[in-house]
C-alpha atoms as a PDB file:
ATOM      1  CA  MET A   1     -99.592 -55.542 167.692  1.00  0.00           C
ATOM      2  CA  LYS A   2    -101.329 -58.897 167.504  1.00  0.00           C
ATOM      3  CA  LYS A   3    -101.128 -60.412 164.058  1.00  0.00           C
ATOM      4  CA  ASN A   4    -104.285 -61.346 162.181  1.00  0.00           C
ATOM      5  CA  LYS A   5    -104.543 -64.296 159.847  1.00  0.00           C
ATOM      6  CA  ILE A   6    -105.108 -63.391 156.259  1.00  0.00           C
ATOM      7  CA  GLY A   7    -108.355 -64.380 154.538  1.00  0.00           C
ATOM      8  CA  ASP A   8    -110.649 -64.775 157.553  1.00  0.00           C
ATOM      9  CA  GLN A   9    -109.781 -68.191 158.947  1.00  0.00           C
ATOM     10  CA  ARG A  10    -113.317 -69.010 160.092  1.00  0.00           C
ATOM     11  CA  ASN A  11    -113.789 -70.902 156.798  1.00  0.00           C
ATOM     12  CA  LYS A  12    -111.136 -73.483 157.751  1.00  0.00           C
ATOM     13  CA  GLY A  13    -112.943 -75.627 160.278  1.00  0.00           C
ATOM     14  CA  PRO A  14    -116.030 -77.814 160.650  1.00  0.00           C
ATOM     15  CA  LEU A  15    -117.670 -75.273 162.919  1.00  0.00           C
ATOM     16  CA  TRP A  16    -117.761 -72.727 160.142  1.00  0.00           C
ATOM     17  CA  GLU A  17    -119.186 -75.349 157.741  1.00  0.00           C
ATOM     18  CA  MET A  18    -121.975 -76.022 160.281  1.00  0.00           C
ATOM     19  CA  GLU A  19    -122.630 -72.283 160.535  1.00  0.00           C
ATOM     20  CA  ARG A  20    -122.790 -72.054 156.760  1.00  0.00           C
ATOM     21  CA  VAL A  21    -125.353 -74.857 156.518  1.00  0.00           C
ATOM     22  CA  LEU A  22    -127.433 -73.282 159.286  1.00  0.00           C
ATOM     23  CA  MET A  23    -127.410 -69.856 157.657  1.00  0.00           C
ATOM     24  CA  VAL A  24    -128.338 -71.319 154.265  1.00  0.00           C
ATOM     25  CA  ILE A  25    -131.260 -73.262 155.806  1.00  0.00           C
ATOM     26  CA  ILE A  26    -132.520 -70.149 157.595  1.00  0.00           C
ATOM     27  CA  ALA A  27    -132.160 -68.106 154.405  1.00  0.00           C
ATOM     28  CA  ALA A  28    -134.103 -70.707 152.419  1.00  0.00           C
ATOM     29  CA  VAL A  29    -136.939 -70.764 154.972  1.00  0.00           C
ATOM     30  CA  VAL A  30    -137.109 -66.951 155.057  1.00  0.00           C
ATOM     31  CA  MET A  31    -137.055 -66.738 151.246  1.00  0.00           C
ATOM     32  CA  ALA A  32    -139.869 -69.304 150.884  1.00  0.00           C
ATOM     33  CA  LEU A  33    -141.963 -67.664 153.621  1.00  0.00           C
ATOM     34  CA  ASN A  34    -141.455 -64.296 151.982  1.00  0.00           C
ATOM     35  CA  ILE A  35    -142.683 -65.627 148.665  1.00  0.00           C
ATOM     36  CA  LYS A  36    -145.793 -67.225 150.188  1.00  0.00           C
ATOM     37  CA  ILE A  37    -146.635 -64.452 152.723  1.00  0.00           C
ATOM     38  CA  PHE A  38    -145.723 -61.228 150.869  1.00  0.00           C
ATOM     39  CA  ILE A  39    -144.863 -61.784 147.214  1.00  0.00           C
ATOM     40  CA  ARG A  40    -147.782 -64.008 146.304  1.00  0.00           C
ATOM     41  CA  ALA A  41    -150.125 -61.832 148.394  1.00  0.00           C
ATOM     42  CA  GLY A  42    -149.332 -58.793 146.231  1.00  0.00           C
ATOM     43  CA  ASN A  43    -149.013 -60.766 142.983  1.00  0.00           C
ATOM     44  CA  LEU A  44    -145.500 -59.363 142.769  1.00  0.00           C
ATOM     45  CA  ILE A  45    -142.695 -60.328 140.411  1.00  0.00           C
ATOM     46  CA  PRO A  46    -139.562 -59.961 142.535  1.00  0.00           C
ATOM     47  CA  GLY A  47    -137.035 -59.994 139.721  1.00  0.00           C
ATOM     48  CA  GLY A  48    -134.156 -62.399 139.325  1.00  0.00           C
ATOM     49  CA  PHE A  49    -134.661 -66.068 138.548  1.00  0.00           C
ATOM     50  CA  ASN A  50    -137.205 -66.449 141.335  1.00  0.00           C
ATOM     51  CA  GLY A  51    -139.181 -63.686 139.631  1.00  0.00           C
ATOM     52  CA  ILE A  52    -138.868 -65.346 136.204  1.00  0.00           C
ATOM     53  CA  THR A  53    -140.036 -68.643 137.767  1.00  0.00           C
ATOM     54  CA  LEU A  54    -143.052 -66.963 139.328  1.00  0.00           C
ATOM     55  CA  LEU A  55    -143.773 -65.249 136.031  1.00  0.00           C
ATOM     56  CA  ILE A  56    -143.756 -68.581 134.216  1.00  0.00           C
ATOM     57  CA  GLN A  57    -146.070 -70.036 136.888  1.00  0.00           C
ATOM     58  CA  GLN A  58    -148.419 -67.149 136.429  1.00  0.00           C
ATOM     59  CA  ILE A  59    -148.380 -67.495 132.620  1.00  0.00           C
ATOM     60  CA  GLY A  60    -149.104 -71.223 132.972  1.00  0.00           C
ATOM     61  CA  MET A  61    -152.039 -70.570 135.249  1.00  0.00           C
ATOM     62  CA  GLU A  62    -153.507 -67.517 133.470  1.00  0.00           C
ATOM     63  CA  PHE A  63    -153.200 -68.662 129.813  1.00  0.00           C
ATOM     64  CA  PHE A  64    -153.017 -72.487 129.966  1.00  0.00           C
ATOM     65  CA  ASN A  65    -154.706 -73.321 133.271  1.00  0.00           C
ATOM     66  CA  VAL A  66    -151.645 -75.348 134.259  1.00  0.00           C
ATOM     67  CA  ASN A  67    -150.174 -75.320 137.777  1.00  0.00           C
ATOM     68  CA  ILE A  68    -146.375 -75.347 137.144  1.00  0.00           C
ATOM     69  CA  PRO A  69    -144.256 -76.378 140.202  1.00  0.00           C
ATOM     70  CA  PHE A  70    -141.666 -73.879 141.351  1.00  0.00           C
ATOM     71  CA  THR A  71    -138.657 -76.129 141.961  1.00  0.00           C
ATOM     72  CA  PRO A  72    -138.001 -77.765 138.513  1.00  0.00           C
ATOM     73  CA  VAL A  73    -138.394 -74.456 136.601  1.00  0.00           C
ATOM     74  CA  ASN A  74    -136.099 -72.626 138.998  1.00  0.00           C
ATOM     75  CA  LEU A  75    -133.481 -75.387 138.775  1.00  0.00           C
ATOM     76  CA  LEU A  76    -133.602 -75.344 134.998  1.00  0.00           C
ATOM     77  CA  LEU A  77    -133.129 -71.566 134.884  1.00  0.00           C
ATOM     78  CA  ASN A  78    -130.207 -71.826 137.255  1.00  0.00           C
ATOM     79  CA  ALA A  79    -128.380 -74.566 135.342  1.00  0.00           C
ATOM     80  CA  VAL A  80    -126.056 -72.262 133.331  1.00  0.00           C
ATOM     81  CA  PRO A  81    -125.257 -69.879 136.222  1.00  0.00           C
ATOM     82  CA  ILE A  82    -124.503 -72.894 138.447  1.00  0.00           C
ATOM     83  CA  TYR A  83    -122.045 -74.177 135.827  1.00  0.00           C
ATOM     84  CA  ILE A  84    -120.389 -70.739 135.576  1.00  0.00           C
ATOM     85  CA  SER A  85    -120.159 -70.495 139.345  1.00  0.00           C
ATOM     86  CA  PHE A  86    -118.721 -74.002 139.723  1.00  0.00           C
ATOM     87  CA  LYS A  87    -116.040 -73.284 137.118  1.00  0.00           C
ATOM     88  CA  TYR A  88    -115.117 -69.674 137.916  1.00  0.00           C
ATOM     89  CA  ILE A  89    -116.223 -68.743 141.436  1.00  0.00           C
ATOM     90  CA  GLY A  90    -115.790 -71.780 143.759  1.00  0.00           C
ATOM     91  CA  LYS A  91    -116.923 -75.384 144.199  1.00  0.00           C
ATOM     92  CA  LYS A  92    -118.089 -75.260 147.812  1.00  0.00           C
ATOM     93  CA  PHE A  93    -119.612 -71.867 147.149  1.00  0.00           C
ATOM     94  CA  THR A  94    -121.672 -73.394 144.343  1.00  0.00           C
ATOM     95  CA  LEU A  95    -122.708 -76.455 146.327  1.00  0.00           C
ATOM     96  CA  TYR A  96    -124.003 -74.354 149.220  1.00  0.00           C
ATOM     97  CA  SER A  97    -125.798 -72.169 146.673  1.00  0.00           C
ATOM     98  CA  CYS A  98    -127.426 -75.271 145.174  1.00  0.00           C
ATOM     99  CA  LEU A  99    -128.585 -76.235 148.652  1.00  0.00           C
ATOM    100  CA  MET A 100    -130.190 -72.791 148.950  1.00  0.00           C
ATOM    101  CA  ILE A 101    -131.850 -73.064 145.508  1.00  0.00           C
ATOM    102  CA  VAL A 102    -133.232 -76.589 146.023  1.00  0.00           C
ATOM    103  CA  LEU A 103    -134.344 -76.088 149.643  1.00  0.00           C
ATOM    104  CA  SER A 104    -136.032 -72.718 149.017  1.00  0.00           C
ATOM    105  CA  GLY A 105    -137.764 -74.178 145.919  1.00  0.00           C
ATOM    106  CA  ILE A 106    -139.133 -77.224 147.753  1.00  0.00           C
ATOM    107  CA  LEU A 107    -140.300 -75.080 150.672  1.00  0.00           C
ATOM    108  CA  THR A 108    -142.005 -72.681 148.266  1.00  0.00           C
ATOM    109  CA  ASP A 109    -143.951 -75.596 146.786  1.00  0.00           C
ATOM    110  CA  VAL A 110    -144.760 -77.089 150.182  1.00  0.00           C
ATOM    111  CA  ILE A 111    -145.562 -74.121 152.496  1.00  0.00           C
ATOM    112  CA  PRO A 112    -149.154 -72.925 152.208  1.00  0.00           C
ATOM    113  CA  ALA A 113    -149.887 -69.272 151.346  1.00  0.00           C
ATOM    114  CA  TYR A 114    -150.602 -67.131 154.389  1.00  0.00           C
ATOM    115  CA  PRO A 115    -150.932 -63.408 153.526  1.00  0.00           C
ATOM    116  CA  LEU A 116    -150.511 -61.082 156.496  1.00  0.00           C
ATOM    117  CA  THR A 117    -151.942 -57.942 154.861  1.00  0.00           C
ATOM    118  CA  ASP A 118    -153.742 -56.863 151.764  1.00  0.00           C
ATOM    119  CA  ASP A 119    -152.006 -53.454 151.656  1.00  0.00           C
ATOM    120  CA  VAL A 120    -149.804 -53.823 148.546  1.00  0.00           C
ATOM    121  CA  LEU A 121    -147.458 -50.995 149.478  1.00  0.00           C
ATOM    122  CA  LEU A 122    -146.667 -52.666 152.802  1.00  0.00           C
ATOM    123  CA  VAL A 123    -146.175 -55.949 151.001  1.00  0.00           C
ATOM    124  CA  CYS A 124    -143.706 -54.255 148.618  1.00  0.00           C
ATOM    125  CA  ILE A 125    -141.623 -52.541 151.287  1.00  0.00           C
ATOM    126  CA  PHE A 126    -141.475 -55.299 153.902  1.00  0.00           C
ATOM    127  CA  GLY A 127    -141.288 -58.078 151.314  1.00  0.00           C
ATOM    128  CA  GLY A 128    -138.303 -56.283 149.740  1.00  0.00           C
ATOM    129  CA  ILE A 129    -136.561 -55.852 153.070  1.00  0.00           C
ATOM    130  CA  ILE A 130    -137.068 -59.519 154.019  1.00  0.00           C
ATOM    131  CA  ASN A 131    -135.938 -60.625 150.556  1.00  0.00           C
ATOM    132  CA  ALA A 132    -132.710 -58.647 151.019  1.00  0.00           C
ATOM    133  CA  PHE A 133    -132.225 -60.133 154.516  1.00  0.00           C
ATOM    134  CA  ALA A 134    -132.512 -63.715 153.092  1.00  0.00           C
ATOM    135  CA  THR A 135    -130.138 -62.898 150.249  1.00  0.00           C
ATOM    136  CA  SER A 136    -127.552 -61.218 152.516  1.00  0.00           C
ATOM    137  CA  LEU A 137    -127.747 -64.096 154.998  1.00  0.00           C
ATOM    138  CA  CYS A 138    -126.905 -66.423 152.141  1.00  0.00           C
ATOM    139  CA  LEU A 139    -124.031 -64.205 151.023  1.00  0.00           C
ATOM    140  CA  PHE A 140    -122.610 -64.111 154.552  1.00  0.00           C
ATOM    141  CA  ALA A 141    -122.561 -67.925 154.369  1.00  0.00           C
ATOM    142  CA  ASP A 142    -120.447 -67.644 151.210  1.00  0.00           C
ATOM    143  CA  ALA A 143    -123.328 -68.808 149.023  1.00  0.00           C
ATOM    144  CA  THR A 144    -126.095 -67.199 146.959  1.00  0.00           C
ATOM    145  CA  SER A 145    -129.806 -67.566 146.373  1.00  0.00           C
ATOM    146  CA  GLY A 146    -128.976 -68.386 142.757  1.00  0.00           C
ATOM    147  CA  GLY A 147    -129.628 -66.886 139.358  1.00  0.00           C
ATOM    148  CA  THR A 148    -128.637 -63.216 139.041  1.00  0.00           C
ATOM    149  CA  ASP A 149    -126.638 -63.410 142.293  1.00  0.00           C
ATOM    150  CA  PHE A 150    -124.253 -65.800 140.508  1.00  0.00           C
ATOM    151  CA  ILE A 151    -123.973 -63.298 137.676  1.00  0.00           C
ATOM    152  CA  ALA A 152    -123.415 -60.327 139.955  1.00  0.00           C
ATOM    153  CA  ILE A 153    -120.689 -62.097 141.957  1.00  0.00           C
ATOM    154  CA  PHE A 154    -118.985 -63.349 138.793  1.00  0.00           C
ATOM    155  CA  PHE A 155    -118.655 -59.812 137.392  1.00  0.00           C
ATOM    156  CA  SER A 156    -117.664 -58.425 140.771  1.00  0.00           C
ATOM    157  CA  GLU A 157    -114.917 -61.073 141.137  1.00  0.00           C
ATOM    158  CA  LYS A 158    -113.664 -60.808 137.562  1.00  0.00           C
ATOM    159  CA  PHE A 159    -113.913 -57.086 136.854  1.00  0.00           C
ATOM    160  CA  GLY A 160    -114.062 -55.515 140.350  1.00  0.00           C
ATOM    161  CA  VAL A 161    -117.394 -53.797 139.609  1.00  0.00           C
ATOM    162  CA  ASP A 162    -120.319 -53.438 142.011  1.00  0.00           C
ATOM    163  CA  THR A 163    -123.039 -54.843 139.708  1.00  0.00           C
ATOM    164  CA  TRP A 164    -126.087 -54.966 141.974  1.00  0.00           C
ATOM    165  CA  ASN A 165    -127.626 -51.848 140.383  1.00  0.00           C
ATOM    166  CA  TYR A 166    -127.183 -53.397 136.945  1.00  0.00           C
ATOM    167  CA  ILE A 167    -128.998 -56.466 138.189  1.00  0.00           C
ATOM    168  CA  PHE A 168    -131.758 -54.171 139.423  1.00  0.00           C
ATOM    169  CA  ALA A 169    -132.066 -52.779 135.845  1.00  0.00           C
ATOM    170  CA  GLY A 170    -132.312 -56.300 134.457  1.00  0.00           C
ATOM    171  CA  ASN A 171    -134.983 -57.162 136.992  1.00  0.00           C
ATOM    172  CA  VAL A 172    -136.993 -54.123 135.888  1.00  0.00           C
ATOM    173  CA  VAL A 173    -137.072 -55.572 132.345  1.00  0.00           C
ATOM    174  CA  VAL A 174    -138.585 -58.818 133.736  1.00  0.00           C
ATOM    175  CA  ILE A 175    -141.104 -56.759 135.681  1.00  0.00           C
ATOM    176  CA  LEU A 176    -142.041 -54.784 132.565  1.00  0.00           C
ATOM    177  CA  ILE A 177    -142.778 -58.004 130.730  1.00  0.00           C
ATOM    178  CA  ALA A 178    -145.092 -58.958 133.590  1.00  0.00           C
ATOM    179  CA  GLY A 179    -146.746 -55.548 133.260  1.00  0.00           C
ATOM    180  CA  ILE A 180    -147.429 -56.074 129.583  1.00  0.00           C
ATOM    181  CA  LEU A 181    -148.958 -59.504 130.203  1.00  0.00           C
ATOM    182  CA  PHE A 182    -150.853 -59.000 133.459  1.00  0.00           C
ATOM    183  CA  GLY A 183    -151.348 -55.274 134.067  1.00  0.00           C
ATOM    184  CA  TRP A 184    -149.268 -52.406 135.333  1.00  0.00           C
ATOM    185  CA  ASN A 185    -150.366 -52.117 138.960  1.00  0.00           C
ATOM    186  CA  GLU A 186    -148.564 -55.240 140.126  1.00  0.00           C
ATOM    187  CA  ALA A 187    -145.615 -54.481 137.829  1.00  0.00           C
ATOM    188  CA  LEU A 188    -145.083 -50.985 139.243  1.00  0.00           C
ATOM    189  CA  TYR A 189    -145.465 -52.276 142.782  1.00  0.00           C
ATOM    190  CA  SER A 190    -142.905 -54.947 141.955  1.00  0.00           C
ATOM    191  CA  ILE A 191    -140.412 -52.222 141.014  1.00  0.00           C
ATOM    192  CA  ILE A 192    -140.894 -50.692 144.502  1.00  0.00           C
ATOM    193  CA  PHE A 193    -140.323 -54.174 145.976  1.00  0.00           C
ATOM    194  CA  GLN A 194    -137.121 -54.617 143.937  1.00  0.00           C
ATOM    195  CA  PHE A 195    -135.823 -51.165 144.824  1.00  0.00           C
ATOM    196  CA  ALA A 196    -136.412 -51.774 148.554  1.00  0.00           C
ATOM    197  CA  SER A 197    -134.639 -55.141 148.258  1.00  0.00           C
ATOM    198  CA  THR A 198    -131.632 -53.776 146.327  1.00  0.00           C
ATOM    199  CA  GLN A 199    -131.047 -50.816 148.609  1.00  0.00           C
ATOM    200  CA  THR A 200    -131.395 -52.935 151.752  1.00  0.00           C
ATOM    201  CA  LEU A 201    -128.891 -55.431 150.325  1.00  0.00           C
ATOM    202  CA  HIS A 202    -126.438 -52.553 149.724  1.00  0.00           C
ATOM    203  CA  LEU A 203    -126.650 -51.709 153.433  1.00  0.00           C
ATOM    204  CA  LEU A 204    -126.411 -55.250 154.736  1.00  0.00           C
ATOM    205  CA  TYR A 205    -123.712 -56.751 152.525  1.00  0.00           C
ATOM    206  CA  LYS A 206    -120.620 -54.732 151.515  1.00  0.00           C
ATOM    207  CA  ARG A 207    -117.976 -57.224 150.451  1.00  0.00           C
ATOM    208  CA  TYR A 208    -117.997 -56.157 146.789  1.00  0.00           C
ATOM    209  CA  GLN A 209    -118.036 -52.427 147.629  1.00  0.00           C
ATOM    210  CA  LYS A 210    -114.700 -50.617 147.926  1.00  0.00           C
ATOM    211  CA  GLN A 211    -113.428 -47.715 150.008  1.00  0.00           C
ATOM    212  CA  THR A 212    -110.353 -45.562 149.370  1.00  0.00           C
ATOM    213  CA  LEU A 213    -108.284 -44.483 152.442  1.00  0.00           C
ATOM    214  CA  PHE A 214    -106.007 -41.434 152.634  1.00  0.00           C
ATOM    215  CA  ILE A 215    -104.175 -41.608 155.960  1.00  0.00           C
ATOM    216  CA  VAL A 216    -101.884 -38.844 157.266  1.00  0.00           C
ATOM    217  CA  THR A 217     -99.807 -40.444 159.985  1.00  0.00           C
ATOM    218  CA  SER A 218     -96.482 -40.131 161.813  1.00  0.00           C
ATOM    219  CA  GLN A 219     -96.132 -43.932 161.848  1.00  0.00           C
ATOM    220  CA  PRO A 220     -96.564 -45.024 158.194  1.00  0.00           C
ATOM    221  CA  ASP A 221     -94.704 -48.339 158.464  1.00  0.00           C
ATOM    222  CA  GLU A 222     -96.781 -49.569 161.449  1.00  0.00           C
ATOM    223  CA  VAL A 223    -100.027 -48.380 159.873  1.00  0.00           C
ATOM    224  CA  TYR A 224     -99.193 -50.113 156.601  1.00  0.00           C
ATOM    225  CA  GLU A 225     -98.493 -53.345 158.474  1.00  0.00           C
ATOM    226  CA  GLY A 226    -101.872 -53.055 160.185  1.00  0.00           C
ATOM    227  CA  ILE A 227    -103.675 -52.644 156.826  1.00  0.00           C
ATOM    228  CA  ARG A 228    -101.737 -55.490 155.244  1.00  0.00           C
ATOM    229  CA  GLU A 229    -102.370 -57.927 158.094  1.00  0.00           C
ATOM    230  CA  ILE A 230    -106.126 -57.300 158.147  1.00  0.00           C
ATOM    231  CA  THR A 231    -106.865 -56.977 154.449  1.00  0.00           C
ATOM    232  CA  HIS A 232    -103.831 -58.360 152.524  1.00  0.00           C
ATOM    233  CA  HIS A 233    -103.944 -55.111 150.520  1.00  0.00           C
ATOM    234  CA  ASP A 234    -100.958 -52.966 149.621  1.00  0.00           C
ATOM    235  CA  ALA A 235    -100.577 -49.206 150.246  1.00  0.00           C
ATOM    236  CA  THR A 236     -98.621 -46.343 148.667  1.00  0.00           C
ATOM    237  CA  LEU A 237     -96.653 -43.858 150.753  1.00  0.00           C
ATOM    238  CA  PHE A 238     -96.573 -40.186 149.772  1.00  0.00           C
ATOM    239  CA  LYS A 239     -94.236 -37.609 151.352  1.00  0.00           C
ATOM    240  CA  GLY A 240     -95.410 -34.014 151.746  1.00  0.00           C
ATOM    241  CA  THR A 241     -95.360 -30.903 153.844  1.00  0.00           C
ATOM    242  CA  GLY A 242     -98.132 -29.794 156.149  1.00  0.00           C
ATOM    243  CA  CYS A 243     -99.156 -26.277 155.118  1.00  0.00           C
ATOM    244  CA  TYR A 244    -100.050 -25.092 158.621  1.00  0.00           C
ATOM    245  CA  GLN A 245     -97.059 -26.316 160.679  1.00  0.00           C
ATOM    246  CA  LYS A 246     -94.634 -26.563 157.710  1.00  0.00           C
ATOM    247  CA  GLN A 247     -93.550 -30.008 158.870  1.00  0.00           C
ATOM    248  CA  GLU A 248     -92.969 -33.144 156.800  1.00  0.00           C
ATOM    249  CA  ARG A 249     -95.994 -35.418 156.626  1.00  0.00           C
ATOM    250  CA  ASN A 250     -96.551 -39.011 155.517  1.00  0.00           C
ATOM    251  CA  MET A 251     -99.730 -40.026 153.675  1.00  0.00           C
ATOM    252  CA  LEU A 252    -100.696 -43.638 152.952  1.00  0.00           C
ATOM    253  CA  TYR A 253    -103.073 -44.393 150.112  1.00  0.00           C
ATOM    254  CA  SER A 254    -104.912 -47.744 150.080  1.00  0.00           C
ATOM    255  CA  VAL A 255    -108.130 -49.283 148.780  1.00  0.00           C
ATOM    256  CA  VAL A 256    -109.933 -51.844 150.940  1.00  0.00           C
ATOM    257  CA  GLY A 257    -113.330 -53.594 151.022  1.00  0.00           C
ATOM    258  CA  SER A 258    -116.200 -51.784 152.696  1.00  0.00           C
ATOM    259  CA  ASP A 259    -116.716 -54.759 154.968  1.00  0.00           C
ATOM    260  CA  GLU A 260    -113.153 -54.331 156.260  1.00  0.00           C
ATOM    261  CA  ILE A 261    -113.181 -50.548 156.793  1.00  0.00           C
ATOM    262  CA  ARG A 262    -114.253 -50.557 160.438  1.00  0.00           C
ATOM    263  CA  ARG A 263    -111.527 -52.970 161.568  1.00  0.00           C
ATOM    264  CA  VAL A 264    -108.921 -51.089 159.538  1.00  0.00           C
ATOM    265  CA  VAL A 265    -109.821 -47.699 161.062  1.00  0.00           C
ATOM    266  CA  GLN A 266    -109.860 -49.183 164.552  1.00  0.00           C
ATOM    267  CA  VAL A 267    -106.370 -50.623 164.135  1.00  0.00           C
ATOM    268  CA  ILE A 268    -105.021 -47.400 162.638  1.00  0.00           C
ATOM    269  CA  LYS A 269    -106.315 -45.455 165.659  1.00  0.00           C
ATOM    270  CA  GLU A 270    -104.727 -48.002 168.007  1.00  0.00           C
ATOM    271  CA  ILE A 271    -101.391 -47.489 166.281  1.00  0.00           C
ATOM    272  CA  ASP A 272    -101.604 -43.680 165.881  1.00  0.00           C
ATOM    273  CA  LYS A 273    -104.403 -41.992 167.750  1.00  0.00           C
ATOM    274  CA  ASP A 274    -103.585 -38.655 165.986  1.00  0.00           C
ATOM    275  CA  ALA A 275    -103.852 -40.108 162.461  1.00  0.00           C
ATOM    276  CA  PHE A 276    -106.036 -38.152 160.016  1.00  0.00           C
ATOM    277  CA  ILE A 277    -108.137 -40.527 157.891  1.00  0.00           C
ATOM    278  CA  ASN A 278    -110.132 -39.584 154.814  1.00  0.00           C
ATOM    279  CA  ILE A 279    -112.481 -42.357 153.569  1.00  0.00           C
ATOM    280  CA  MET A 280    -114.009 -42.142 150.074  1.00  0.00           C
ATOM    281  CA  LYS A 281    -116.324 -44.480 148.188  1.00  0.00           C
ATOM    282  CA  THR A 282    -114.692 -46.189 145.245  1.00  0.00           C
ATOM    283  CA  GLU A 283    -116.862 -46.876 142.194  1.00  0.00           C
ATOM    284  CA  GLN A 284    -114.456 -49.059 140.211  1.00  0.00           C
ATOM    285  CA  ILE A 285    -110.833 -50.176 140.227  1.00  0.00           C
ATOM    286  CA  THR A 286    -108.523 -51.744 137.664  1.00  0.00           C
ATOM    287  CA  GLY A 287    -105.206 -53.436 138.192  1.00  0.00           C
ATOM    288  CA  ARG A 288    -104.016 -55.768 140.946  1.00  0.00           C
ATOM    289  CA  PHE A 289    -106.379 -55.986 143.913  1.00  0.00           C
ATOM    290  CA  TYR A 290    -106.469 -58.841 146.377  1.00  0.00           C
ATOM    291  CA  LYS A 291    -109.855 -60.646 146.560  1.00  0.00           C
ATOM    292  CA  ARG A 292    -110.528 -63.234 149.240  1.00  0.00           C
ATOM    293  CA  PRO A 293    -111.299 -66.340 147.157  1.00  0.00           C
ATOM    294  CA  ASN A 294    -114.568 -68.227 147.374  1.00  0.00           C
ATOM    295  CA  ASP A 295    -113.979 -71.863 148.285  1.00  0.00           C
END
């Protein structure tokens, strides 16, 4: 079987760096357009640090008649998460994330508002989907859109927990503050926006989600090598007896990332077409688990 390099070698060359820059630029443009076309049109508070920035802008305009620029406020809010990311997650990862934060902020200040529809429900749903697309594009480039994404990735890396739903809960708190200050219609619609965004992000980006594999196979050594070469994860071999045919069976147990599951299953089937594979969602793991490092 052809050996795979561990750790996805695309991040080793200049071509991958160019792809990262391009994806971050596209994500920044999409994020800024989404704010000016959908979020502002529905007076929504999208949650996260972008949402807090928009909330501060709205407070400045409503109560003090001051037009506060988006970029400096957003950069100030992101200062501490950027430091945490630079120290604990990865230096290049943080620099690309800073490019995303600065570029999306400048574009948000520069691009004129152009609402496509005045139907707030459509704004919530499609705005949420587009927001998730921009965020996931950034994550695929090994960067983030800043703020709560830094926090979510930090906890996912350090504790192996999928924290996106906790971030959603924190975003709801921000939205509730907006509801108290400016009325509940926009606040409740903002929750719909945030829910659509969070669930779409779950579908698009799966690196921090885990899957458990139970594999009954007649070729356990070869299957284990296939798993190890693709994911760098270990496996545990159990010996048992099949109840129907009363023959000895081998079962491999392993936990892999959800983004790796398709390749793993494909390789297992290439090795043993008769392998029986049970795939289960894993909520949380403790102990040693290989994580591809951010650069």
